Amino acid sequence: MEVYEYDWSIRKYNVYGHSIDKVGDHGTPFLLLRDTNQKWLFLSSPYFATVYKDELTPFFAEGTAYRPGFNYIIVGKYSVTSFLTDSSGSYPAANLRTDVPSKPWVEGVEGDGIGERISVDWLWRIGEGGSTGAMIISNGFVSYDKPQLYEMNGRVRRIRVSDPSGSFSIETELADTPNPQVVFLPSASERTDIEILSIYPGSAWHDTCVNYIYGLEATQSARLRTLMLEEGNAPLPVEKTGSRKY
């Protein structure tokens, strides 16, 4: 049984012969192997998990794993209205397609990044356009070596999500966690625009960060939504712009 098939609500359990605790460090979740005193970065939901043994070594070969039956995670071509470059490095749009720790996108304007935008052209197969029915978002600056960077930097709170064709425009609020969160779209989208409306402020800096954004193929998105409802895991509430929740 793979790690991501376990019931994450159980605080203490056994994986591959290790006795493990799920612990938090400055808002960043880890698995602590009590018999060896090792720790693994552990971003998880009931359906997706990103696990790293250190800053560079993923537990799963593909980095982010999925619950069996949901195997069309899509990356895209990402563009942003700004990104940060400072003495510690550069944090461009391309970082949104990787789950490697310490490689988030960081907005690069004065202030908290309100109004900054991310656009994603979804690519399912090389050379072909794809469409997605849901986005998988990991919030904030996620680092194995420096977990305090999650709280020190800003995280996205409320976002507006739209399709440039005008087929939909919705708003939703992300939780203040780096764990994968699913945002379902009202209809399949080949390009999705995301605008930051509000943030969770950082304790040290005004830089707002997003760890990664993936898509889920439209048919599997519908299946996932049905499964979540069957299992009592309510999707994030969304509002049509200027309308009621649905």
C-alpha atoms as a PDB file:
ATOM      1  CA  MET A   1       0.000   0.000   0.000  1.00  0.00           C
ATOM      2  CA  GLU A   2       1.407   3.379  -0.991  1.00  0.00           C
ATOM      3  CA  VAL A   3       1.650   6.191   1.558  1.00  0.00           C
ATOM      4  CA  TYR A   4      -1.050   8.284  -0.120  1.00  0.00           C
ATOM      5  CA  GLU A   5      -3.626   5.525   0.338  1.00  0.00           C
ATOM      6  CA  TYR A   6      -3.483   5.836   4.142  1.00  0.00           C
ATOM      7  CA  ASP A   7      -6.053   7.682   6.210  1.00  0.00           C
ATOM      8  CA  TRP A   8      -4.304  11.012   6.797  1.00  0.00           C
ATOM      9  CA  SER A   9      -6.561  11.760   9.772  1.00  0.00           C
ATOM     10  CA  ILE A  10      -4.704   9.108  11.797  1.00  0.00           C
ATOM     11  CA  ARG A  11      -1.896  10.897  13.628  1.00  0.00           C
ATOM     12  CA  LYS A  12       0.282   7.834  14.281  1.00  0.00           C
ATOM     13  CA  TYR A  13       0.616   4.890  11.913  1.00  0.00           C
ATOM     14  CA  ASN A  14       3.151   2.559  10.342  1.00  0.00           C
ATOM     15  CA  VAL A  15       4.662   2.876   6.852  1.00  0.00           C
ATOM     16  CA  TYR A  16       7.196   0.371   5.479  1.00  0.00           C
ATOM     17  CA  GLY A  17       8.112  -0.744   9.002  1.00  0.00           C
ATOM     18  CA  HIS A  18       8.589   2.787  10.363  1.00  0.00           C
ATOM     19  CA  SER A  19       6.625   4.183  13.270  1.00  0.00           C
ATOM     20  CA  ILE A  20       5.609   7.655  12.131  1.00  0.00           C
ATOM     21  CA  ASP A  21       4.136  10.849  13.572  1.00  0.00           C
ATOM     22  CA  LYS A  22       2.599  13.601  11.470  1.00  0.00           C
ATOM     23  CA  VAL A  23       4.001  16.897  12.774  1.00  0.00           C
ATOM     24  CA  GLY A  24       3.989  20.564  11.774  1.00  0.00           C
ATOM     25  CA  ASP A  25       6.922  22.995  11.632  1.00  0.00           C
ATOM     26  CA  HIS A  26       5.984  26.671  11.123  1.00  0.00           C
ATOM     27  CA  GLY A  27       2.910  25.625   9.150  1.00  0.00           C
ATOM     28  CA  THR A  28       4.828  23.105   7.015  1.00  0.00           C
ATOM     29  CA  PRO A  29       3.761  19.453   7.540  1.00  0.00           C
ATOM     30  CA  PHE A  30       6.269  16.639   7.949  1.00  0.00           C
ATOM     31  CA  LEU A  31       6.304  12.938   8.710  1.00  0.00           C
ATOM     32  CA  LEU A  32       8.692  12.126  11.566  1.00  0.00           C
ATOM     33  CA  LEU A  33      10.156   8.592  11.526  1.00  0.00           C
ATOM     34  CA  ARG A  34      10.551   8.007  15.238  1.00  0.00           C
ATOM     35  CA  ASP A  35      12.890   5.000  15.000  1.00  0.00           C
ATOM     36  CA  THR A  36      15.443   6.818  12.786  1.00  0.00           C
ATOM     37  CA  ASN A  37      14.632  10.456  13.659  1.00  0.00           C
ATOM     38  CA  GLN A  38      14.339  11.232   9.950  1.00  0.00           C
ATOM     39  CA  LYS A  39      11.694  13.555   8.614  1.00  0.00           C
ATOM     40  CA  TRP A  40       9.926  13.748   5.266  1.00  0.00           C
ATOM     41  CA  LEU A  41       8.178  16.789   3.863  1.00  0.00           C
ATOM     42  CA  PHE A  42       4.567  15.673   3.583  1.00  0.00           C
ATOM     43  CA  LEU A  43       1.935  17.708   1.736  1.00  0.00           C
ATOM     44  CA  SER A  44      -1.233  15.658   1.597  1.00  0.00           C
ATOM     45  CA  SER A  45      -4.954  15.462   0.982  1.00  0.00           C
ATOM     46  CA  PRO A  46      -7.177  12.374   0.697  1.00  0.00           C
ATOM     47  CA  TYR A  47      -6.432  12.347  -3.049  1.00  0.00           C
ATOM     48  CA  PHE A  48      -2.937  13.792  -3.654  1.00  0.00           C
ATOM     49  CA  ALA A  49       0.395  13.778  -1.812  1.00  0.00           C
ATOM     50  CA  THR A  50       3.746  15.475  -2.326  1.00  0.00           C
ATOM     51  CA  VAL A  51       6.490  13.772  -0.290  1.00  0.00           C
ATOM     52  CA  TYR A  52      10.205  14.671  -0.160  1.00  0.00           C
ATOM     53  CA  LYS A  53      12.895  12.930   1.921  1.00  0.00           C
ATOM     54  CA  ASP A  54      15.060  16.053   1.764  1.00  0.00           C
ATOM     55  CA  GLU A  55      15.258  19.262  -0.273  1.00  0.00           C
ATOM     56  CA  LEU A  56      15.907  17.361  -3.529  1.00  0.00           C
ATOM     57  CA  THR A  57      14.831  13.720  -3.143  1.00  0.00           C
ATOM     58  CA  PRO A  58      11.159  12.868  -3.796  1.00  0.00           C
ATOM     59  CA  PHE A  59       9.627   9.807  -2.140  1.00  0.00           C
ATOM     60  CA  PHE A  60       7.577   9.157  -5.276  1.00  0.00           C
ATOM     61  CA  ALA A  61       9.412   9.147  -8.601  1.00  0.00           C
ATOM     62  CA  GLU A  62       6.986  11.703 -10.036  1.00  0.00           C
ATOM     63  CA  GLY A  63       7.151  13.984  -6.968  1.00  0.00           C
ATOM     64  CA  THR A  64       3.403  14.400  -6.467  1.00  0.00           C
ATOM     65  CA  ALA A  65       1.415  11.166  -6.352  1.00  0.00           C
ATOM     66  CA  TYR A  66      -2.284  10.659  -6.792  1.00  0.00           C
ATOM     67  CA  ARG A  67      -4.878   8.316  -5.448  1.00  0.00           C
ATOM     68  CA  PRO A  68      -5.292   5.364  -7.846  1.00  0.00           C
ATOM     69  CA  GLY A  69      -7.681   6.218 -10.655  1.00  0.00           C
ATOM     70  CA  PHE A  70      -6.649   9.875 -11.028  1.00  0.00           C
ATOM     71  CA  ASN A  71      -3.586   9.745 -13.218  1.00  0.00           C
ATOM     72  CA  TYR A  72      -3.998  12.678 -15.601  1.00  0.00           C
ATOM     73  CA  ILE A  73      -2.343  15.464 -13.648  1.00  0.00           C
ATOM     74  CA  ILE A  74      -1.615  18.231 -16.152  1.00  0.00           C
ATOM     75  CA  VAL A  75       1.108  20.833 -16.127  1.00  0.00           C
ATOM     76  CA  GLY A  76       0.833  23.924 -18.265  1.00  0.00           C
ATOM     77  CA  LYS A  77       2.636  26.854 -19.793  1.00  0.00           C
ATOM     78  CA  TYR A  78       2.604  29.501 -17.085  1.00  0.00           C
ATOM     79  CA  SER A  79       2.807  33.273 -17.393  1.00  0.00           C
ATOM     80  CA  VAL A  80       2.588  35.883 -14.637  1.00  0.00           C
ATOM     81  CA  THR A  81       2.366  39.654 -14.337  1.00  0.00           C
ATOM     82  CA  SER A  82       5.515  39.762 -12.155  1.00  0.00           C
ATOM     83  CA  PHE A  83       8.035  37.620 -10.316  1.00  0.00           C
ATOM     84  CA  LEU A  84      10.682  38.246  -7.676  1.00  0.00           C
ATOM     85  CA  THR A  85      14.414  38.260  -8.247  1.00  0.00           C
ATOM     86  CA  ASP A  86      16.596  39.059  -5.236  1.00  0.00           C
ATOM     87  CA  SER A  87      19.878  38.046  -3.615  1.00  0.00           C
ATOM     88  CA  SER A  88      18.518  34.567  -2.844  1.00  0.00           C
ATOM     89  CA  GLY A  89      17.570  33.832  -6.453  1.00  0.00           C
ATOM     90  CA  SER A  90      14.758  34.138  -8.973  1.00  0.00           C
ATOM     91  CA  TYR A  91      11.201  32.805  -8.549  1.00  0.00           C
ATOM     92  CA  PRO A  92       9.601  32.828 -12.039  1.00  0.00           C
ATOM     93  CA  ALA A  93       6.335  31.487 -13.426  1.00  0.00           C
ATOM     94  CA  ALA A  94       7.985  28.215 -14.492  1.00  0.00           C
ATOM     95  CA  ASN A  95       8.317  27.246 -10.817  1.00  0.00           C
ATOM     96  CA  LEU A  96       4.555  26.673 -10.705  1.00  0.00           C
ATOM     97  CA  ARG A  97       4.999  23.475 -12.736  1.00  0.00           C
ATOM     98  CA  THR A  98       7.341  21.804 -10.239  1.00  0.00           C
ATOM     99  CA  ASP A  99       6.832  20.539  -6.691  1.00  0.00           C
ATOM    100  CA  VAL A 100      10.560  20.660  -5.805  1.00  0.00           C
ATOM    101  CA  PRO A 101      10.920  22.369  -2.398  1.00  0.00           C
ATOM    102  CA  SER A 102      12.125  25.980  -2.252  1.00  0.00           C
ATOM    103  CA  LYS A 103      11.052  26.677  -5.848  1.00  0.00           C
ATOM    104  CA  PRO A 104       7.772  28.619  -5.569  1.00  0.00           C
ATOM    105  CA  TRP A 105       6.509  31.414  -7.749  1.00  0.00           C
ATOM    106  CA  VAL A 106       6.864  34.693  -5.844  1.00  0.00           C
ATOM    107  CA  GLU A 107       5.186  37.877  -7.071  1.00  0.00           C
ATOM    108  CA  GLY A 108       7.559  40.794  -7.619  1.00  0.00           C
ATOM    109  CA  VAL A 109       5.627  44.031  -7.055  1.00  0.00           C
ATOM    110  CA  GLU A 110       5.609  46.428  -4.124  1.00  0.00           C
ATOM    111  CA  GLY A 111       3.162  45.412  -1.418  1.00  0.00           C
ATOM    112  CA  ASP A 112       1.389  42.081  -1.003  1.00  0.00           C
ATOM    113  CA  GLY A 113       0.723  41.222  -4.643  1.00  0.00           C
ATOM    114  CA  ILE A 114      -2.988  42.042  -4.650  1.00  0.00           C
ATOM    115  CA  GLY A 115      -4.122  42.143  -8.285  1.00  0.00           C
ATOM    116  CA  GLU A 116      -1.215  40.063  -9.602  1.00  0.00           C
ATOM    117  CA  ARG A 117      -2.265  37.398 -12.094  1.00  0.00           C
ATOM    118  CA  ILE A 118      -1.237  33.919 -13.193  1.00  0.00           C
ATOM    119  CA  SER A 119      -2.306  32.540 -16.576  1.00  0.00           C
ATOM    120  CA  VAL A 120      -2.033  28.853 -17.451  1.00  0.00           C
ATOM    121  CA  ASP A 121      -2.239  27.354 -20.924  1.00  0.00           C
ATOM    122  CA  TRP A 122      -2.891  23.701 -20.148  1.00  0.00           C
ATOM    123  CA  LEU A 123      -0.730  21.149 -21.980  1.00  0.00           C
ATOM    124  CA  TRP A 124      -1.873  17.562 -21.729  1.00  0.00           C
ATOM    125  CA  ARG A 125       0.265  15.986 -24.452  1.00  0.00           C
ATOM    126  CA  ILE A 126       3.382  17.469 -25.985  1.00  0.00           C
ATOM    127  CA  GLY A 127       2.407  19.678 -28.902  1.00  0.00           C
ATOM    128  CA  GLU A 128      -1.326  19.468 -28.180  1.00  0.00           C
ATOM    129  CA  GLY A 129      -3.632  21.660 -26.161  1.00  0.00           C
ATOM    130  CA  GLY A 130      -5.331  20.089 -23.167  1.00  0.00           C
ATOM    131  CA  SER A 131      -8.227  21.067 -20.990  1.00  0.00           C
ATOM    132  CA  THR A 132      -8.707  20.850 -17.255  1.00  0.00           C
ATOM    133  CA  GLY A 133     -11.774  20.723 -15.054  1.00  0.00           C
ATOM    134  CA  ALA A 134      -9.975  21.382 -11.765  1.00  0.00           C
ATOM    135  CA  MET A 135      -6.793  22.892 -10.408  1.00  0.00           C
ATOM    136  CA  ILE A 136      -4.603  21.393  -7.689  1.00  0.00           C
ATOM    137  CA  ILE A 137      -2.943  24.231  -5.756  1.00  0.00           C
ATOM    138  CA  SER A 138      -0.219  24.093  -3.109  1.00  0.00           C
ATOM    139  CA  ASN A 139       0.023  27.434  -1.330  1.00  0.00           C
ATOM    140  CA  GLY A 140       3.012  29.384  -0.033  1.00  0.00           C
ATOM    141  CA  PHE A 141       6.794  29.028   0.128  1.00  0.00           C
ATOM    142  CA  VAL A 142       7.456  25.348   0.916  1.00  0.00           C
ATOM    143  CA  SER A 143      10.966  24.406   1.995  1.00  0.00           C
ATOM    144  CA  TYR A 144      12.351  21.232   3.551  1.00  0.00           C
ATOM    145  CA  ASP A 145      15.458  22.936   4.972  1.00  0.00           C
ATOM    146  CA  LYS A 146      13.775  26.206   6.029  1.00  0.00           C
ATOM    147  CA  PRO A 147      10.136  25.457   6.871  1.00  0.00           C
ATOM    148  CA  GLN A 148       9.826  28.844   8.608  1.00  0.00           C
ATOM    149  CA  LEU A 149       9.727  30.461   5.145  1.00  0.00           C
ATOM    150  CA  TYR A 150       6.090  29.374   4.838  1.00  0.00           C
ATOM    151  CA  GLU A 151       4.987  31.686   7.660  1.00  0.00           C
ATOM    152  CA  MET A 152       7.540  34.408   6.921  1.00  0.00           C
ATOM    153  CA  ASN A 153       6.218  34.935   3.377  1.00  0.00           C
ATOM    154  CA  GLY A 154       2.664  35.720   2.293  1.00  0.00           C
ATOM    155  CA  ARG A 155       0.227  33.073   1.029  1.00  0.00           C
ATOM    156  CA  VAL A 156      -2.696  33.459  -1.335  1.00  0.00           C
ATOM    157  CA  ARG A 157      -6.120  33.670   0.296  1.00  0.00           C
ATOM    158  CA  ARG A 158      -8.924  34.714  -2.061  1.00  0.00           C
ATOM    159  CA  ILE A 159      -8.609  34.337  -5.823  1.00  0.00           C
ATOM    160  CA  ARG A 160     -10.674  35.075  -8.912  1.00  0.00           C
ATOM    161  CA  VAL A 161     -10.505  32.275 -11.502  1.00  0.00           C
ATOM    162  CA  SER A 162     -11.721  32.874 -15.048  1.00  0.00           C
ATOM    163  CA  ASP A 163     -11.536  31.616 -18.597  1.00  0.00           C
ATOM    164  CA  PRO A 164     -10.457  34.314 -21.085  1.00  0.00           C
ATOM    165  CA  SER A 165     -13.243  33.184 -23.441  1.00  0.00           C
ATOM    166  CA  GLY A 166     -15.703  34.548 -20.883  1.00  0.00           C
ATOM    167  CA  SER A 167     -17.284  31.137 -20.217  1.00  0.00           C
ATOM    168  CA  PHE A 168     -16.862  31.532 -16.451  1.00  0.00           C
ATOM    169  CA  SER A 169     -15.552  33.776 -13.690  1.00  0.00           C
ATOM    170  CA  ILE A 170     -15.596  32.557 -10.097  1.00  0.00           C
ATOM    171  CA  GLU A 171     -14.078  33.441  -6.742  1.00  0.00           C
ATOM    172  CA  THR A 172     -12.943  31.086  -3.998  1.00  0.00           C
ATOM    173  CA  GLU A 173     -10.903  31.180  -0.809  1.00  0.00           C
ATOM    174  CA  LEU A 174      -7.910  28.929  -0.224  1.00  0.00           C
ATOM    175  CA  ALA A 175      -7.037  27.647   3.235  1.00  0.00           C
ATOM    176  CA  ASP A 176      -3.785  28.757   4.827  1.00  0.00           C
ATOM    177  CA  THR A 177      -1.987  25.464   4.210  1.00  0.00           C
ATOM    178  CA  PRO A 178       0.557  24.103   1.720  1.00  0.00           C
ATOM    179  CA  ASN A 179      -1.421  20.862   1.439  1.00  0.00           C
ATOM    180  CA  PRO A 180      -2.931  20.275  -2.034  1.00  0.00           C
ATOM    181  CA  GLN A 181      -6.306  21.998  -2.469  1.00  0.00           C
ATOM    182  CA  VAL A 182      -8.666  21.315  -5.368  1.00  0.00           C
ATOM    183  CA  VAL A 183     -10.517  24.158  -7.102  1.00  0.00           C
ATOM    184  CA  PHE A 184     -13.196  22.844  -9.470  1.00  0.00           C
ATOM    185  CA  LEU A 185     -13.978  24.893 -12.573  1.00  0.00           C
ATOM    186  CA  PRO A 186     -17.563  25.378 -13.821  1.00  0.00           C
ATOM    187  CA  SER A 187     -16.545  24.078 -17.253  1.00  0.00           C
ATOM    188  CA  ALA A 188     -13.474  22.593 -18.922  1.00  0.00           C
ATOM    189  CA  SER A 189     -10.828  25.196 -19.654  1.00  0.00           C
ATOM    190  CA  GLU A 190      -7.892  25.259 -22.064  1.00  0.00           C
ATOM    191  CA  ARG A 191      -6.575  28.464 -20.496  1.00  0.00           C
ATOM    192  CA  THR A 192      -7.228  29.644 -16.957  1.00  0.00           C
ATOM    193  CA  ASP A 193      -6.516  33.054 -15.440  1.00  0.00           C
ATOM    194  CA  ILE A 194      -6.024  33.475 -11.684  1.00  0.00           C
ATOM    195  CA  GLU A 195      -6.040  36.859  -9.934  1.00  0.00           C
ATOM    196  CA  ILE A 196      -4.975  37.397  -6.319  1.00  0.00           C
ATOM    197  CA  LEU A 197      -7.701  39.236  -4.392  1.00  0.00           C
ATOM    198  CA  SER A 198      -6.448  38.835  -0.813  1.00  0.00           C
ATOM    199  CA  ILE A 199      -3.583  37.158   1.036  1.00  0.00           C
ATOM    200  CA  TYR A 200      -2.493  35.695   4.346  1.00  0.00           C
ATOM    201  CA  PRO A 201       0.291  38.119   5.358  1.00  0.00           C
ATOM    202  CA  GLY A 202       3.810  36.904   6.020  1.00  0.00           C
ATOM    203  CA  SER A 203       5.381  37.490   9.421  1.00  0.00           C
ATOM    204  CA  ALA A 204       8.545  38.963   7.878  1.00  0.00           C
ATOM    205  CA  TRP A 205       8.003  39.941   4.232  1.00  0.00           C
ATOM    206  CA  HIS A 206       5.333  41.223   1.847  1.00  0.00           C
ATOM    207  CA  ASP A 207       6.178  38.632  -0.815  1.00  0.00           C
ATOM    208  CA  THR A 208       3.252  36.347  -1.681  1.00  0.00           C
ATOM    209  CA  CYS A 209       4.102  32.826  -2.855  1.00  0.00           C
ATOM    210  CA  VAL A 210       2.482  29.820  -4.536  1.00  0.00           C
ATOM    211  CA  ASN A 211       4.212  26.438  -4.403  1.00  0.00           C
ATOM    212  CA  TYR A 212       2.640  24.804  -7.468  1.00  0.00           C
ATOM    213  CA  ILE A 213      -0.482  24.718  -9.635  1.00  0.00           C
ATOM    214  CA  TYR A 214      -1.443  21.564 -11.532  1.00  0.00           C
ATOM    215  CA  GLY A 215      -4.554  20.698 -13.505  1.00  0.00           C
ATOM    216  CA  LEU A 216      -6.704  17.590 -13.569  1.00  0.00           C
ATOM    217  CA  GLU A 217      -8.136  16.368 -16.875  1.00  0.00           C
ATOM    218  CA  ALA A 218     -11.788  17.347 -17.255  1.00  0.00           C
ATOM    219  CA  THR A 219     -13.374  13.864 -17.155  1.00  0.00           C
ATOM    220  CA  GLN A 220     -11.335  12.854 -14.117  1.00  0.00           C
ATOM    221  CA  SER A 221     -12.186  16.160 -12.451  1.00  0.00           C
ATOM    222  CA  ALA A 222     -15.875  15.237 -12.646  1.00  0.00           C
ATOM    223  CA  ARG A 223     -15.125  11.802 -11.186  1.00  0.00           C
ATOM    224  CA  LEU A 224     -13.103  13.341  -8.369  1.00  0.00           C
ATOM    225  CA  ARG A 225     -15.890  15.770  -7.487  1.00  0.00           C
ATOM    226  CA  THR A 226     -18.371  12.886  -7.282  1.00  0.00           C
ATOM    227  CA  LEU A 227     -15.981  10.845  -5.132  1.00  0.00           C
ATOM    228  CA  MET A 228     -15.351  13.747  -2.763  1.00  0.00           C
ATOM    229  CA  LEU A 229     -19.071  14.253  -2.228  1.00  0.00           C
ATOM    230  CA  GLU A 230     -19.590  10.516  -1.672  1.00  0.00           C
ATOM    231  CA  GLU A 231     -16.833  10.475   0.939  1.00  0.00           C
ATOM    232  CA  GLY A 232     -18.055  13.597   2.699  1.00  0.00           C
ATOM    233  CA  ASN A 233     -15.149  15.808   1.618  1.00  0.00           C
ATOM    234  CA  ALA A 234     -16.868  18.995   0.510  1.00  0.00           C
ATOM    235  CA  PRO A 235     -15.161  20.829  -2.369  1.00  0.00           C
ATOM    236  CA  LEU A 236     -13.998  24.388  -1.789  1.00  0.00           C
ATOM    237  CA  PRO A 237     -17.027  26.675  -2.105  1.00  0.00           C
ATOM    238  CA  VAL A 238     -16.914  28.944  -5.145  1.00  0.00           C
ATOM    239  CA  GLU A 239     -18.981  31.967  -6.099  1.00  0.00           C
ATOM    240  CA  LYS A 240     -19.819  33.158  -9.565  1.00  0.00           C
ATOM    241  CA  THR A 241     -18.608  36.720  -9.789  1.00  0.00           C
ATOM    242  CA  GLY A 242     -21.402  38.837  -8.352  1.00  0.00           C
ATOM    243  CA  SER A 243     -23.607  35.807  -7.662  1.00  0.00           C
ATOM    244  CA  ARG A 244     -24.426  33.221  -5.025  1.00  0.00           C
ATOM    245  CA  LYS A 245     -22.438  30.193  -3.943  1.00  0.00           C
ATOM    246  CA  TYR A 246     -23.218  27.002  -5.811  1.00  0.00           C
END
